[in-house]
Amino acid sequence: MLDLAPNCYGFWKMNENAANTDVEDFSSQGNEGTFTDATGNPYTNQHDAAGKINGALLFDGVDDYVNVGTMGNFGGNMNNVTVAAWVKTPSDAAYALQGTGNDGATTALTTILNSTSTGSYLSGAIRLFTRDDDGQRISAGADFNTGVADNNWHLVIVILQKSLMTVRFYVDNVQKTTTYSGQRQSGTNYSNFQYPMSLGANYNRGATNLYLEGLLDNFMIFDKALSEQERAFLWNGGNGRESLSELHRRLVGGSLSANRKGLVCI
């Protein structure tokens, strides 16, 4: 049975309502989020909206983000990391799906849409930048129009395998060609994120902040490189999922068990 829960270090379903700034983490890691809207009272500004599945959170492109804390040294040494999220945006401005502070000297992991591997603007491009405590870094991108800025829901999956110095990009379960900027380095020393990780912004601590304009739903971070089967499970034929495990049937003696038709969710 397919079960992604043991490798999930953050799962934010984004089903919160307008009167709640707490964004629940449905993984076992306790990385609870807080929705921040600096321009007004977050309890009166509406941020909930219809999502890909159930609810989503609406980001205004100005100052909205979800702070999920430092997350520490998740995934051991972060050799294998997958970032996955459903996103809907009408904007082709450069903005971050997620990010930690990147001041050029500390640990960073940032995923940016409409930005190339060199950090230049390009509509529909996707970029991942990572830096460990030793200064080893990778900057990679899917540097062509992937269609993510068309105001429709898209599943974006980015897979980093640091020791292999590779990054893979998927949009709606279709792999995109990866390009790299500069020298790829294989270090994996991520002892701690000095800055909090944000969803919907890169939160650069004084540098340019790339705030998302649009909707986020079912944001997930894993400490593994998702397999083809696992990516297809999350994609679910374009319908998405709000579960990390397969609902399966347990057979007893060739027939369904007596416990309510044997339907078991793990």
C-alpha atoms as a PDB file:
ATOM      1  CA  MET A   1       0.000   0.000   0.000  1.00  0.00           C
ATOM      2  CA  LEU A   2       1.247   3.458  -0.885  1.00  0.00           C
ATOM      3  CA  ASP A   3       1.741   5.620   2.205  1.00  0.00           C
ATOM      4  CA  LEU A   4       3.504   9.005   2.022  1.00  0.00           C
ATOM      5  CA  ALA A   5       2.773  10.012   5.617  1.00  0.00           C
ATOM      6  CA  PRO A   6       6.061   8.770   7.159  1.00  0.00           C
ATOM      7  CA  ASN A   7       8.079  10.947   4.756  1.00  0.00           C
ATOM      8  CA  CYS A   8       5.910  14.067   4.993  1.00  0.00           C
ATOM      9  CA  TYR A   9       7.410  16.992   6.914  1.00  0.00           C
ATOM     10  CA  GLY A  10       4.646  19.445   6.168  1.00  0.00           C
ATOM     11  CA  PHE A  11       1.098  19.056   4.825  1.00  0.00           C
ATOM     12  CA  TRP A  12      -1.013  22.193   4.838  1.00  0.00           C
ATOM     13  CA  LYS A  13      -4.469  21.526   3.372  1.00  0.00           C
ATOM     14  CA  MET A  14      -5.324  25.270   3.451  1.00  0.00           C
ATOM     15  CA  ASN A  15      -8.924  24.628   4.514  1.00  0.00           C
ATOM     16  CA  GLU A  16      -8.934  27.359   7.174  1.00  0.00           C
ATOM     17  CA  ASN A  17     -11.716  29.942   7.251  1.00  0.00           C
ATOM     18  CA  ALA A  18     -11.595  33.723   7.161  1.00  0.00           C
ATOM     19  CA  ALA A  19     -11.645  34.139  10.946  1.00  0.00           C
ATOM     20  CA  ASN A  20      -8.617  31.936  11.596  1.00  0.00           C
ATOM     21  CA  THR A  21      -4.947  32.821  11.083  1.00  0.00           C
ATOM     22  CA  ASP A  22      -3.741  29.367  12.201  1.00  0.00           C
ATOM     23  CA  VAL A  23      -2.837  27.077   9.280  1.00  0.00           C
ATOM     24  CA  GLU A  24      -2.806  23.458  10.414  1.00  0.00           C
ATOM     25  CA  ASP A  25      -0.023  21.035   9.534  1.00  0.00           C
ATOM     26  CA  PHE A  26      -1.510  17.588   8.850  1.00  0.00           C
ATOM     27  CA  SER A  27       1.870  15.855   8.914  1.00  0.00           C
ATOM     28  CA  SER A  28       3.179  14.389  12.166  1.00  0.00           C
ATOM     29  CA  GLN A  29       5.894  17.076  12.474  1.00  0.00           C
ATOM     30  CA  GLY A  30       3.904  19.865  14.077  1.00  0.00           C
ATOM     31  CA  ASN A  31       4.960  22.613  11.660  1.00  0.00           C
ATOM     32  CA  GLU A  32       1.852  24.683  12.273  1.00  0.00           C
ATOM     33  CA  GLY A  33       1.542  27.801  10.150  1.00  0.00           C
ATOM     34  CA  THR A  34       0.370  31.357  10.805  1.00  0.00           C
ATOM     35  CA  PHE A  35      -1.204  33.433   8.051  1.00  0.00           C
ATOM     36  CA  THR A  36       0.223  36.960   8.036  1.00  0.00           C
ATOM     37  CA  ASP A  37      -1.375  39.965   6.334  1.00  0.00           C
ATOM     38  CA  ALA A  38       0.616  43.073   7.209  1.00  0.00           C
ATOM     39  CA  THR A  39      -1.760  45.629   5.686  1.00  0.00           C
ATOM     40  CA  GLY A  40      -4.795  44.956   7.793  1.00  0.00           C
ATOM     41  CA  ASN A  41      -6.552  42.944  10.438  1.00  0.00           C
ATOM     42  CA  PRO A  42      -6.212  39.284   9.373  1.00  0.00           C
ATOM     43  CA  TYR A  43      -9.410  38.473  11.233  1.00  0.00           C
ATOM     44  CA  THR A  44     -11.500  40.722   8.987  1.00  0.00           C
ATOM     45  CA  ASN A  45      -9.704  40.330   5.658  1.00  0.00           C
ATOM     46  CA  GLN A  46     -11.002  37.325   3.749  1.00  0.00           C
ATOM     47  CA  HIS A  47      -8.313  34.837   2.789  1.00  0.00           C
ATOM     48  CA  ASP A  48     -10.304  31.625   2.379  1.00  0.00           C
ATOM     49  CA  ALA A  49     -11.613  30.595  -1.028  1.00  0.00           C
ATOM     50  CA  ALA A  50     -12.736  27.552  -2.976  1.00  0.00           C
ATOM     51  CA  GLY A  51      -9.766  25.266  -3.559  1.00  0.00           C
ATOM     52  CA  LYS A  52      -8.795  22.439  -5.824  1.00  0.00           C
ATOM     53  CA  ILE A  53     -10.201  20.203  -3.087  1.00  0.00           C
ATOM     54  CA  ASN A  54     -12.351  21.834  -0.413  1.00  0.00           C
ATOM     55  CA  GLY A  55     -10.790  25.141   0.679  1.00  0.00           C
ATOM     56  CA  ALA A  56      -7.708  27.120  -0.336  1.00  0.00           C
ATOM     57  CA  LEU A  57      -5.972  30.253   0.910  1.00  0.00           C
ATOM     58  CA  LEU A  58      -5.944  33.475  -1.122  1.00  0.00           C
ATOM     59  CA  PHE A  59      -2.721  35.537  -1.300  1.00  0.00           C
ATOM     60  CA  ASP A  60      -2.849  39.166  -2.456  1.00  0.00           C
ATOM     61  CA  GLY A  61       0.614  39.482  -4.034  1.00  0.00           C
ATOM     62  CA  VAL A  62       1.489  42.368  -1.701  1.00  0.00           C
ATOM     63  CA  ASP A  63       2.314  41.095   1.776  1.00  0.00           C
ATOM     64  CA  ASP A  64       0.478  37.811   2.460  1.00  0.00           C
ATOM     65  CA  TYR A  65       2.340  34.672   3.497  1.00  0.00           C
ATOM     66  CA  VAL A  66       2.127  31.688   5.824  1.00  0.00           C
ATOM     67  CA  ASN A  67       4.975  31.345   8.349  1.00  0.00           C
ATOM     68  CA  VAL A  68       5.596  27.656   9.187  1.00  0.00           C
ATOM     69  CA  GLY A  69       8.686  28.153  11.365  1.00  0.00           C
ATOM     70  CA  THR A  70      12.299  27.058  10.926  1.00  0.00           C
ATOM     71  CA  MET A  71      11.412  23.345  10.521  1.00  0.00           C
ATOM     72  CA  GLY A  72      14.931  22.483  11.690  1.00  0.00           C
ATOM     73  CA  ASN A  73      16.917  19.765   9.971  1.00  0.00           C
ATOM     74  CA  PHE A  74      13.991  18.006   8.362  1.00  0.00           C
ATOM     75  CA  GLY A  75      14.771  14.960   6.278  1.00  0.00           C
ATOM     76  CA  GLY A  76      18.154  14.231   7.895  1.00  0.00           C
ATOM     77  CA  ASN A  77      20.500  16.059   5.537  1.00  0.00           C
ATOM     78  CA  MET A  78      17.944  17.140   2.939  1.00  0.00           C
ATOM     79  CA  ASN A  79      19.582  14.959   0.317  1.00  0.00           C
ATOM     80  CA  ASN A  80      16.143  14.167  -1.089  1.00  0.00           C
ATOM     81  CA  VAL A  81      13.385  16.773  -0.884  1.00  0.00           C
ATOM     82  CA  THR A  82      10.077  17.106  -2.729  1.00  0.00           C
ATOM     83  CA  VAL A  83       7.951  20.272  -2.737  1.00  0.00           C
ATOM     84  CA  ALA A  84       4.413  19.779  -4.056  1.00  0.00           C
ATOM     85  CA  ALA A  85       1.495  22.207  -4.197  1.00  0.00           C
ATOM     86  CA  TRP A  86      -1.631  23.060  -6.126  1.00  0.00           C
ATOM     87  CA  VAL A  87      -1.495  26.653  -7.309  1.00  0.00           C
ATOM     88  CA  LYS A  88      -3.898  28.926  -9.215  1.00  0.00           C
ATOM     89  CA  THR A  89      -2.733  32.364 -10.295  1.00  0.00           C
ATOM     90  CA  PRO A  90      -3.588  34.932 -12.978  1.00  0.00           C
ATOM     91  CA  SER A  91      -0.216  36.650 -12.512  1.00  0.00           C
ATOM     92  CA  ASP A  92       3.017  35.977 -14.377  1.00  0.00           C
ATOM     93  CA  ALA A  93       5.055  38.170 -12.042  1.00  0.00           C
ATOM     94  CA  ALA A  94       7.884  36.377 -10.246  1.00  0.00           C
ATOM     95  CA  TYR A  95       6.654  34.974  -6.943  1.00  0.00           C
ATOM     96  CA  ALA A  96       7.639  32.270  -4.483  1.00  0.00           C
ATOM     97  CA  LEU A  97       5.680  29.127  -3.750  1.00  0.00           C
ATOM     98  CA  GLN A  98       7.823  28.727  -0.649  1.00  0.00           C
ATOM     99  CA  GLY A  99      11.071  30.082   0.654  1.00  0.00           C
ATOM    100  CA  THR A 100      13.478  30.575   3.504  1.00  0.00           C
ATOM    101  CA  GLY A 101      15.618  33.665   3.937  1.00  0.00           C
ATOM    102  CA  ASN A 102      18.380  33.791   1.320  1.00  0.00           C
ATOM    103  CA  ASP A 103      21.020  36.313   2.373  1.00  0.00           C
ATOM    104  CA  GLY A 104      23.850  34.532   0.548  1.00  0.00           C
ATOM    105  CA  ALA A 105      25.342  33.177   3.757  1.00  0.00           C
ATOM    106  CA  THR A 106      22.779  30.900   5.386  1.00  0.00           C
ATOM    107  CA  THR A 107      20.757  27.810   4.613  1.00  0.00           C
ATOM    108  CA  ALA A 108      18.111  28.372   1.968  1.00  0.00           C
ATOM    109  CA  LEU A 109      15.477  26.432   0.045  1.00  0.00           C
ATOM    110  CA  THR A 110      13.253  28.451  -2.268  1.00  0.00           C
ATOM    111  CA  THR A 111      10.870  27.604  -5.108  1.00  0.00           C
ATOM    112  CA  ILE A 112       9.908  30.500  -7.399  1.00  0.00           C
ATOM    113  CA  LEU A 113       7.501  30.637 -10.336  1.00  0.00           C
ATOM    114  CA  ASN A 114       8.069  32.858 -13.394  1.00  0.00           C
ATOM    115  CA  SER A 115      11.817  32.955 -12.739  1.00  0.00           C
ATOM    116  CA  THR A 116      14.638  31.191 -14.597  1.00  0.00           C
ATOM    117  CA  SER A 117      17.566  29.241 -13.142  1.00  0.00           C
ATOM    118  CA  THR A 118      19.595  32.486 -13.144  1.00  0.00           C
ATOM    119  CA  GLY A 119      16.875  34.399 -11.309  1.00  0.00           C
ATOM    120  CA  SER A 120      15.722  36.329 -14.384  1.00  0.00           C
ATOM    121  CA  TYR A 121      12.047  36.929 -15.127  1.00  0.00           C
ATOM    122  CA  LEU A 122      10.328  34.580 -17.583  1.00  0.00           C
ATOM    123  CA  SER A 123       6.604  33.881 -17.661  1.00  0.00           C
ATOM    124  CA  GLY A 124       5.855  30.260 -16.820  1.00  0.00           C
ATOM    125  CA  ALA A 125       9.377  29.344 -15.724  1.00  0.00           C
ATOM    126  CA  ILE A 126      10.004  27.563 -12.422  1.00  0.00           C
ATOM    127  CA  ARG A 127      13.137  27.919 -10.291  1.00  0.00           C
ATOM    128  CA  LEU A 128      14.555  26.063  -7.307  1.00  0.00           C
ATOM    129  CA  PHE A 129      17.464  27.501  -5.334  1.00  0.00           C
ATOM    130  CA  THR A 130      19.119  25.725  -2.435  1.00  0.00           C
ATOM    131  CA  ARG A 131      22.150  26.504  -0.276  1.00  0.00           C
ATOM    132  CA  ASP A 132      23.504  24.478   2.649  1.00  0.00           C
ATOM    133  CA  ASP A 133      25.533  25.553   5.700  1.00  0.00           C
ATOM    134  CA  ASP A 134      28.812  24.982   3.827  1.00  0.00           C
ATOM    135  CA  GLY A 135      27.792  27.277   0.977  1.00  0.00           C
ATOM    136  CA  GLN A 136      27.167  24.400  -1.441  1.00  0.00           C
ATOM    137  CA  ARG A 137      24.350  25.364  -3.771  1.00  0.00           C
ATOM    138  CA  ILE A 138      22.215  24.412  -6.741  1.00  0.00           C
ATOM    139  CA  SER A 139      20.182  26.785  -8.883  1.00  0.00           C
ATOM    140  CA  ALA A 140      17.951  25.035 -11.403  1.00  0.00           C
ATOM    141  CA  GLY A 141      14.937  25.879 -13.489  1.00  0.00           C
ATOM    142  CA  ALA A 142      12.345  24.756 -15.969  1.00  0.00           C
ATOM    143  CA  ASP A 143      13.067  27.775 -18.144  1.00  0.00           C
ATOM    144  CA  PHE A 144      10.168  27.893 -20.558  1.00  0.00           C
ATOM    145  CA  ASN A 145       6.460  28.616 -20.384  1.00  0.00           C
ATOM    146  CA  THR A 146       4.942  25.775 -18.396  1.00  0.00           C
ATOM    147  CA  GLY A 147       1.493  27.404 -18.460  1.00  0.00           C
ATOM    148  CA  VAL A 148       1.248  27.898 -14.693  1.00  0.00           C
ATOM    149  CA  ALA A 149       0.060  31.534 -14.899  1.00  0.00           C
ATOM    150  CA  ASP A 150      -3.218  30.935 -16.746  1.00  0.00           C
ATOM    151  CA  ASN A 151      -5.563  31.246 -13.731  1.00  0.00           C
ATOM    152  CA  ASN A 152      -6.261  27.508 -13.662  1.00  0.00           C
ATOM    153  CA  TRP A 153      -5.303  24.969 -11.031  1.00  0.00           C
ATOM    154  CA  HIS A 154      -1.941  23.254 -11.587  1.00  0.00           C
ATOM    155  CA  LEU A 155      -0.042  20.707  -9.545  1.00  0.00           C
ATOM    156  CA  VAL A 156       3.602  21.785  -9.270  1.00  0.00           C
ATOM    157  CA  ILE A 157       6.115  19.209  -8.010  1.00  0.00           C
ATOM    158  CA  VAL A 158       9.833  19.976  -7.615  1.00  0.00           C
ATOM    159  CA  ILE A 159      12.261  17.237  -6.586  1.00  0.00           C
ATOM    160  CA  LEU A 160      15.753  17.977  -5.276  1.00  0.00           C
ATOM    161  CA  GLN A 161      18.365  15.203  -4.967  1.00  0.00           C
ATOM    162  CA  LYS A 162      21.300  17.128  -3.584  1.00  0.00           C
ATOM    163  CA  SER A 163      24.008  14.420  -3.540  1.00  0.00           C
ATOM    164  CA  LEU A 164      23.181  13.656  -7.200  1.00  0.00           C
ATOM    165  CA  MET A 165      23.151  17.400  -7.971  1.00  0.00           C
ATOM    166  CA  THR A 166      19.827  17.047  -9.779  1.00  0.00           C
ATOM    167  CA  VAL A 167      16.477  18.849  -9.743  1.00  0.00           C
ATOM    168  CA  ARG A 168      13.342  17.674 -11.538  1.00  0.00           C
ATOM    169  CA  PHE A 169      10.258  19.769 -12.300  1.00  0.00           C
ATOM    170  CA  TYR A 170       6.732  18.475 -12.953  1.00  0.00           C
ATOM    171  CA  VAL A 171       3.595  20.405 -13.881  1.00  0.00           C
ATOM    172  CA  ASP A 172       0.351  18.418 -13.853  1.00  0.00           C
ATOM    173  CA  ASN A 173       2.427  15.215 -13.644  1.00  0.00           C
ATOM    174  CA  VAL A 174       4.388  16.020 -16.812  1.00  0.00           C
ATOM    175  CA  GLN A 175       8.170  16.399 -16.425  1.00  0.00           C
ATOM    176  CA  LYS A 176       9.753  19.582 -17.758  1.00  0.00           C
ATOM    177  CA  THR A 177      13.320  19.964 -19.001  1.00  0.00           C
ATOM    178  CA  THR A 178      15.737  21.165 -16.316  1.00  0.00           C
ATOM    179  CA  THR A 179      18.475  23.721 -16.878  1.00  0.00           C
ATOM    180  CA  TYR A 180      21.138  24.685 -14.342  1.00  0.00           C
ATOM    181  CA  SER A 181      22.920  27.918 -13.548  1.00  0.00           C
ATOM    182  CA  GLY A 182      26.623  27.832 -12.707  1.00  0.00           C
ATOM    183  CA  GLN A 183      28.364  25.046 -10.865  1.00  0.00           C
ATOM    184  CA  ARG A 184      26.216  22.398  -9.222  1.00  0.00           C
ATOM    185  CA  GLN A 185      27.460  21.420  -5.775  1.00  0.00           C
ATOM    186  CA  SER A 186      26.557  18.311  -3.826  1.00  0.00           C
ATOM    187  CA  GLY A 187      26.898  19.339  -0.166  1.00  0.00           C
ATOM    188  CA  THR A 188      24.149  18.222   2.194  1.00  0.00           C
ATOM    189  CA  ASN A 189      24.959  20.030   5.446  1.00  0.00           C
ATOM    190  CA  TYR A 190      21.602  21.479   6.489  1.00  0.00           C
ATOM    191  CA  SER A 191      21.922  21.657  10.258  1.00  0.00           C
ATOM    192  CA  ASN A 192      19.173  24.262  10.598  1.00  0.00           C
ATOM    193  CA  PHE A 193      17.150  26.871   8.757  1.00  0.00           C
ATOM    194  CA  GLN A 194      18.169  30.146  10.357  1.00  0.00           C
ATOM    195  CA  TYR A 195      15.097  31.878   8.939  1.00  0.00           C
ATOM    196  CA  PRO A 196      11.495  30.662   9.069  1.00  0.00           C
ATOM    197  CA  MET A 197      10.098  28.934   6.023  1.00  0.00           C
ATOM    198  CA  SER A 198       7.215  30.750   4.359  1.00  0.00           C
ATOM    199  CA  LEU A 199       4.494  29.548   2.008  1.00  0.00           C
ATOM    200  CA  GLY A 200       3.419  32.060  -0.616  1.00  0.00           C
ATOM    201  CA  ALA A 201       6.584  34.172  -0.220  1.00  0.00           C
ATOM    202  CA  ASN A 202      10.357  33.833   0.027  1.00  0.00           C
ATOM    203  CA  TYR A 203      10.531  36.147   3.052  1.00  0.00           C
ATOM    204  CA  ASN A 204      14.034  37.422   2.394  1.00  0.00           C
ATOM    205  CA  ARG A 205      14.509  39.463   5.552  1.00  0.00           C
ATOM    206  CA  GLY A 206      15.113  42.865   4.007  1.00  0.00           C
ATOM    207  CA  ALA A 207      15.773  41.769   0.435  1.00  0.00           C
ATOM    208  CA  THR A 208      13.092  41.623  -2.251  1.00  0.00           C
ATOM    209  CA  ASN A 209      10.142  39.541  -1.122  1.00  0.00           C
ATOM    210  CA  LEU A 210       8.297  37.697  -3.879  1.00  0.00           C
ATOM    211  CA  TYR A 211       4.705  37.480  -2.683  1.00  0.00           C
ATOM    212  CA  LEU A 212       2.247  35.151  -4.393  1.00  0.00           C
ATOM    213  CA  GLU A 213      -0.866  36.538  -6.058  1.00  0.00           C
ATOM    214  CA  GLY A 214      -3.382  33.738  -6.259  1.00  0.00           C
ATOM    215  CA  LEU A 215      -4.432  30.583  -4.446  1.00  0.00           C
ATOM    216  CA  LEU A 216      -2.547  27.762  -2.738  1.00  0.00           C
ATOM    217  CA  ASP A 217      -4.013  24.402  -1.831  1.00  0.00           C
ATOM    218  CA  ASN A 218      -2.597  21.157  -0.408  1.00  0.00           C
ATOM    219  CA  PHE A 219       0.995  22.267   0.079  1.00  0.00           C
ATOM    220  CA  MET A 220       3.319  19.326   0.901  1.00  0.00           C
ATOM    221  CA  ILE A 221       7.011  18.898   1.700  1.00  0.00           C
ATOM    222  CA  PHE A 222       8.614  15.441   1.787  1.00  0.00           C
ATOM    223  CA  ASP A 223      12.066  14.210   2.771  1.00  0.00           C
ATOM    224  CA  LYS A 224      12.226  11.891  -0.230  1.00  0.00           C
ATOM    225  CA  ALA A 225      12.230  12.040  -4.015  1.00  0.00           C
ATOM    226  CA  LEU A 226       8.699  11.012  -4.954  1.00  0.00           C
ATOM    227  CA  SER A 227       8.479   8.088  -7.353  1.00  0.00           C
ATOM    228  CA  GLU A 228       6.404   7.997 -10.532  1.00  0.00           C
ATOM    229  CA  GLN A 229       3.706   6.066  -8.678  1.00  0.00           C
ATOM    230  CA  GLU A 230       3.669   8.555  -5.807  1.00  0.00           C
ATOM    231  CA  ARG A 231       3.468  11.563  -8.127  1.00  0.00           C
ATOM    232  CA  ALA A 232       0.592   9.942 -10.010  1.00  0.00           C
ATOM    233  CA  PHE A 233      -1.138   9.281  -6.681  1.00  0.00           C
ATOM    234  CA  LEU A 234      -1.064  12.990  -5.772  1.00  0.00           C
ATOM    235  CA  TRP A 235      -2.101  13.986  -9.299  1.00  0.00           C
ATOM    236  CA  ASN A 236      -5.012  11.497  -9.251  1.00  0.00           C
ATOM    237  CA  GLY A 237      -5.917  12.045 -12.878  1.00  0.00           C
ATOM    238  CA  GLY A 238      -6.081  15.800 -12.329  1.00  0.00           C
ATOM    239  CA  ASN A 239      -8.460  15.588  -9.381  1.00  0.00           C
ATOM    240  CA  GLY A 240      -5.834  15.905  -6.636  1.00  0.00           C
ATOM    241  CA  ARG A 241      -5.998  14.380  -3.155  1.00  0.00           C
ATOM    242  CA  GLU A 242      -6.191  15.440   0.458  1.00  0.00           C
ATOM    243  CA  SER A 243      -4.852  12.130   1.702  1.00  0.00           C
ATOM    244  CA  LEU A 244      -1.285  10.860   1.979  1.00  0.00           C
ATOM    245  CA  SER A 245      -2.297   7.179   1.962  1.00  0.00           C
ATOM    246  CA  GLU A 246      -4.304   4.917  -0.291  1.00  0.00           C
ATOM    247  CA  LEU A 247      -7.730   3.800   0.814  1.00  0.00           C
ATOM    248  CA  HIS A 248      -7.570   0.048   0.403  1.00  0.00           C
ATOM    249  CA  ARG A 249      -9.641  -3.052   0.887  1.00  0.00           C
ATOM    250  CA  ARG A 250      -8.565  -5.812   3.206  1.00  0.00           C
ATOM    251  CA  LEU A 251      -9.600  -9.232   1.942  1.00  0.00           C
ATOM    252  CA  VAL A 252     -10.415 -12.090   4.293  1.00  0.00           C
ATOM    253  CA  GLY A 253     -10.838 -15.546   2.819  1.00  0.00           C
ATOM    254  CA  GLY A 254     -11.333 -14.156  -0.680  1.00  0.00           C
ATOM    255  CA  SER A 255     -14.173 -11.837   0.327  1.00  0.00           C
ATOM    256  CA  LEU A 256     -14.444  -8.438   1.912  1.00  0.00           C
ATOM    257  CA  SER A 257     -13.985  -8.473   5.673  1.00  0.00           C
ATOM    258  CA  ALA A 258     -16.901  -7.702   7.905  1.00  0.00           C
ATOM    259  CA  ASN A 259     -15.569  -4.344   9.146  1.00  0.00           C
ATOM    260  CA  ARG A 260     -17.771  -2.111   6.983  1.00  0.00           C
ATOM    261  CA  LYS A 261     -16.815  -3.711   3.673  1.00  0.00           C
ATOM    262  CA  GLY A 262     -13.171  -3.801   4.718  1.00  0.00           C
ATOM    263  CA  LEU A 263     -12.483  -0.177   3.843  1.00  0.00           C
ATOM    264  CA  VAL A 264      -9.465   0.880   5.822  1.00  0.00           C
ATOM    265  CA  CYS A 265      -7.715   4.260   5.699  1.00  0.00           C
ATOM    266  CA  ILE A 266      -4.191   4.425   7.074  1.00  0.00           C
END
